[in-house]
Amino acid sequence: MGTHATFEVSTGERVTTEDITDRVASRLPADASGTCTVFVEHTTAGISVNEAEPRLLGDIETVLAELVPETGWDHDQLDGNADAHLRSMLLGRDVTVPVVDGEPGLGTWQSILLVECDGPRTRTVTVVCE
């Protein structure tokens, strides 16, 4: 049977990227082997696996802004954050990674990233291991 854990991530900017690899790893059982799904419980944030190099993190934020402009969306009439919903839809809200002996089975340059699209906010991340 699998395990389930959550943690919170507080972001300080409207659009920002946080490396959450260590926080995910600390929620994995020491003897776990299989897969782990990392899921953000919000519609205006996403989860991705990529390199956590600072310039690339900035590039992620830039490409999201270029792909989805901040204004001009119908949903903005409701709460002004349609761009955040659309950006997170492009990213996806979860990733599944292998787990070997209680550690995420990531490549040399891979990190698990939370991409905030509507901050600053506190986000709940769920980690489920099977």
C-alpha atoms as a PDB file:
ATOM      1  CA  MET A   1       0.000   0.000   0.000  1.00  0.00           C
ATOM      2  CA  GLY A   2       1.225   3.521  -0.781  1.00  0.00           C
ATOM      3  CA  THR A   3       2.138   6.461   1.398  1.00  0.00           C
ATOM      4  CA  HIS A   4       0.756   9.980   1.335  1.00  0.00           C
ATOM      5  CA  ALA A   5       2.334  13.202   2.649  1.00  0.00           C
ATOM      6  CA  THR A   6       1.802  16.934   2.139  1.00  0.00           C
ATOM      7  CA  PHE A   7       3.817  20.086   2.644  1.00  0.00           C
ATOM      8  CA  GLU A   8       3.318  23.792   1.996  1.00  0.00           C
ATOM      9  CA  VAL A   9       5.319  26.130  -0.213  1.00  0.00           C
ATOM     10  CA  SER A  10       5.009  29.895   0.277  1.00  0.00           C
ATOM     11  CA  THR A  11       5.854  31.982  -2.773  1.00  0.00           C
ATOM     12  CA  GLY A  12       6.795  35.647  -2.818  1.00  0.00           C
ATOM     13  CA  GLU A  13       6.180  36.678  -6.432  1.00  0.00           C
ATOM     14  CA  ARG A  14       3.233  36.481  -8.825  1.00  0.00           C
ATOM     15  CA  VAL A  15       5.184  34.212 -11.195  1.00  0.00           C
ATOM     16  CA  THR A  16       8.111  32.313  -9.730  1.00  0.00           C
ATOM     17  CA  THR A  17       9.705  28.880  -9.754  1.00  0.00           C
ATOM     18  CA  GLU A  18      10.738  27.019  -6.601  1.00  0.00           C
ATOM     19  CA  ASP A  19      12.949  23.921  -6.430  1.00  0.00           C
ATOM     20  CA  ILE A  20      11.036  21.522  -4.160  1.00  0.00           C
ATOM     21  CA  THR A  21      13.191  18.422  -4.748  1.00  0.00           C
ATOM     22  CA  ASP A  22      14.570  18.250  -1.192  1.00  0.00           C
ATOM     23  CA  ARG A  23      11.113  18.717   0.348  1.00  0.00           C
ATOM     24  CA  VAL A  24       9.718  15.918  -1.820  1.00  0.00           C
ATOM     25  CA  ALA A  25      12.672  13.638  -0.989  1.00  0.00           C
ATOM     26  CA  SER A  26      12.177  14.206   2.745  1.00  0.00           C
ATOM     27  CA  ARG A  27       8.605  12.849   2.456  1.00  0.00           C
ATOM     28  CA  LEU A  28       9.668   9.556   0.847  1.00  0.00           C
ATOM     29  CA  PRO A  29       9.825   6.479   3.073  1.00  0.00           C
ATOM     30  CA  ALA A  30      13.439   5.319   3.518  1.00  0.00           C
ATOM     31  CA  ASP A  31      12.662   1.891   2.073  1.00  0.00           C
ATOM     32  CA  ALA A  32      10.464   3.091  -0.804  1.00  0.00           C
ATOM     33  CA  SER A  33      11.022   1.821  -4.326  1.00  0.00           C
ATOM     34  CA  GLY A  34       8.519   2.312  -7.129  1.00  0.00           C
ATOM     35  CA  THR A  35       7.019   5.606  -8.203  1.00  0.00           C
ATOM     36  CA  CYS A  36       6.104   8.857  -6.557  1.00  0.00           C
ATOM     37  CA  THR A  37       3.554  11.342  -7.832  1.00  0.00           C
ATOM     38  CA  VAL A  38       4.004  14.988  -6.841  1.00  0.00           C
ATOM     39  CA  PHE A  39       0.781  17.007  -7.178  1.00  0.00           C
ATOM     40  CA  VAL A  40       0.006  20.664  -6.461  1.00  0.00           C
ATOM     41  CA  GLU A  41      -3.544  21.103  -5.143  1.00  0.00           C
ATOM     42  CA  HIS A  42      -4.293  24.351  -6.966  1.00  0.00           C
ATOM     43  CA  THR A  43      -5.482  25.506 -10.396  1.00  0.00           C
ATOM     44  CA  THR A  44      -2.997  28.370 -10.751  1.00  0.00           C
ATOM     45  CA  ALA A  45       0.303  26.582 -10.086  1.00  0.00           C
ATOM     46  CA  GLY A  46       2.114  23.730 -11.810  1.00  0.00           C
ATOM     47  CA  ILE A  47       4.713  21.042 -11.233  1.00  0.00           C
ATOM     48  CA  SER A  48       7.544  20.239 -13.639  1.00  0.00           C
ATOM     49  CA  VAL A  49      10.852  18.377 -13.790  1.00  0.00           C
ATOM     50  CA  ASN A  50      13.696  20.443 -15.169  1.00  0.00           C
ATOM     51  CA  GLU A  51      17.032  21.983 -14.271  1.00  0.00           C
ATOM     52  CA  ALA A  52      16.984  24.376 -11.293  1.00  0.00           C
ATOM     53  CA  GLU A  53      19.646  26.681 -12.769  1.00  0.00           C
ATOM     54  CA  PRO A  54      18.666  30.295 -11.895  1.00  0.00           C
ATOM     55  CA  ARG A  55      18.817  31.638 -15.461  1.00  0.00           C
ATOM     56  CA  LEU A  56      16.644  28.776 -16.698  1.00  0.00           C
ATOM     57  CA  LEU A  57      14.142  29.414 -13.912  1.00  0.00           C
ATOM     58  CA  GLY A  58      13.902  33.008 -15.138  1.00  0.00           C
ATOM     59  CA  ASP A  59      13.518  31.747 -18.701  1.00  0.00           C
ATOM     60  CA  ILE A  60      10.588  29.557 -17.611  1.00  0.00           C
ATOM     61  CA  GLU A  61       8.846  32.623 -16.216  1.00  0.00           C
ATOM     62  CA  THR A  62       9.614  34.586 -19.402  1.00  0.00           C
ATOM     63  CA  VAL A  63       8.295  31.925 -21.761  1.00  0.00           C
ATOM     64  CA  LEU A  64       5.073  31.611 -19.756  1.00  0.00           C
ATOM     65  CA  ALA A  65       4.568  35.384 -20.006  1.00  0.00           C
ATOM     66  CA  GLU A  66       5.229  35.294 -23.755  1.00  0.00           C
ATOM     67  CA  LEU A  67       2.927  32.317 -24.381  1.00  0.00           C
ATOM     68  CA  VAL A  68       0.065  33.621 -22.232  1.00  0.00           C
ATOM     69  CA  PRO A  69      -0.313  37.423 -21.935  1.00  0.00           C
ATOM     70  CA  GLU A  70      -1.562  38.783 -18.603  1.00  0.00           C
ATOM     71  CA  THR A  71      -4.672  40.504 -19.923  1.00  0.00           C
ATOM     72  CA  GLY A  72      -7.448  40.111 -22.448  1.00  0.00           C
ATOM     73  CA  TRP A  73      -9.144  36.965 -21.107  1.00  0.00           C
ATOM     74  CA  ASP A  74     -12.869  36.525 -20.390  1.00  0.00           C
ATOM     75  CA  HIS A  75     -12.215  34.940 -16.987  1.00  0.00           C
ATOM     76  CA  ASP A  76     -10.509  38.175 -15.893  1.00  0.00           C
ATOM     77  CA  GLN A  77     -13.987  39.660 -15.439  1.00  0.00           C
ATOM     78  CA  LEU A  78     -14.402  37.268 -12.517  1.00  0.00           C
ATOM     79  CA  ASP A  79     -11.105  37.512 -10.636  1.00  0.00           C
ATOM     80  CA  GLY A  80      -8.338  38.842 -12.874  1.00  0.00           C
ATOM     81  CA  ASN A  81      -6.167  35.739 -12.981  1.00  0.00           C
ATOM     82  CA  ALA A  82      -7.077  33.929 -16.198  1.00  0.00           C
ATOM     83  CA  ASP A  83      -3.445  34.019 -17.303  1.00  0.00           C
ATOM     84  CA  ALA A  84      -2.448  32.043 -14.203  1.00  0.00           C
ATOM     85  CA  HIS A  85      -5.048  29.353 -14.908  1.00  0.00           C
ATOM     86  CA  LEU A  86      -3.945  29.075 -18.538  1.00  0.00           C
ATOM     87  CA  ARG A  87      -0.230  28.995 -17.672  1.00  0.00           C
ATOM     88  CA  SER A  88      -0.707  26.255 -15.089  1.00  0.00           C
ATOM     89  CA  MET A  89      -2.761  24.260 -17.577  1.00  0.00           C
ATOM     90  CA  LEU A  90       0.228  24.276 -19.939  1.00  0.00           C
ATOM     91  CA  LEU A  91       2.537  23.070 -17.164  1.00  0.00           C
ATOM     92  CA  GLY A  92       0.320  20.430 -15.617  1.00  0.00           C
ATOM     93  CA  ARG A  93      -0.282  19.940 -11.929  1.00  0.00           C
ATOM     94  CA  ASP A  94       1.689  16.758 -11.347  1.00  0.00           C
ATOM     95  CA  VAL A  95       4.734  14.687 -12.241  1.00  0.00           C
ATOM     96  CA  THR A  96       5.537  11.062 -11.537  1.00  0.00           C
ATOM     97  CA  VAL A  97       9.147  10.131 -10.804  1.00  0.00           C
ATOM     98  CA  PRO A  98      10.802   6.827  -9.984  1.00  0.00           C
ATOM     99  CA  VAL A  99      11.876   6.167  -6.402  1.00  0.00           C
ATOM    100  CA  VAL A 100      14.853   3.938  -5.605  1.00  0.00           C
ATOM    101  CA  ASP A 101      15.764   3.109  -1.997  1.00  0.00           C
ATOM    102  CA  GLY A 102      13.872   6.110  -0.658  1.00  0.00           C
ATOM    103  CA  GLU A 103      15.380   8.647  -3.088  1.00  0.00           C
ATOM    104  CA  PRO A 104      13.857  10.306  -6.167  1.00  0.00           C
ATOM    105  CA  GLY A 105      15.325   8.649  -9.269  1.00  0.00           C
ATOM    106  CA  LEU A 106      16.134  11.881 -11.058  1.00  0.00           C
ATOM    107  CA  GLY A 107      18.823  12.527 -13.651  1.00  0.00           C
ATOM    108  CA  THR A 108      21.959  14.526 -12.863  1.00  0.00           C
ATOM    109  CA  TRP A 109      20.458  17.931 -13.657  1.00  0.00           C
ATOM    110  CA  GLN A 110      16.803  17.183 -12.918  1.00  0.00           C
ATOM    111  CA  SER A 111      14.887  18.843 -10.102  1.00  0.00           C
ATOM    112  CA  ILE A 112      11.230  18.892  -9.142  1.00  0.00           C
ATOM    113  CA  LEU A 113       9.921  22.424  -9.592  1.00  0.00           C
ATOM    114  CA  LEU A 114       6.793  24.177  -8.363  1.00  0.00           C
ATOM    115  CA  VAL A 115       5.865  26.943 -10.794  1.00  0.00           C
ATOM    116  CA  GLU A 116       3.748  29.651  -9.175  1.00  0.00           C
ATOM    117  CA  CYS A 117       1.502  31.474 -11.639  1.00  0.00           C
ATOM    118  CA  ASP A 118      -0.682  33.574  -9.284  1.00  0.00           C
ATOM    119  CA  GLY A 119       1.328  34.454  -6.199  1.00  0.00           C
ATOM    120  CA  PRO A 120       2.283  35.325  -3.705  1.00  0.00           C
ATOM    121  CA  ARG A 121       0.455  32.369  -2.168  1.00  0.00           C
ATOM    122  CA  THR A 122       0.868  29.344   0.047  1.00  0.00           C
ATOM    123  CA  ARG A 123       0.538  26.135  -1.966  1.00  0.00           C
ATOM    124  CA  THR A 124      -0.108  22.605  -0.772  1.00  0.00           C
ATOM    125  CA  VAL A 125       1.925  19.878  -2.459  1.00  0.00           C
ATOM    126  CA  THR A 126       0.951  16.219  -2.113  1.00  0.00           C
ATOM    127  CA  VAL A 127       3.453  13.374  -2.473  1.00  0.00           C
ATOM    128  CA  VAL A 128       2.026   9.881  -3.065  1.00  0.00           C
ATOM    129  CA  CYS A 129       4.318   6.851  -3.306  1.00  0.00           C
ATOM    130  CA  GLU A 130       3.264   3.495  -4.710  1.00  0.00           C
END
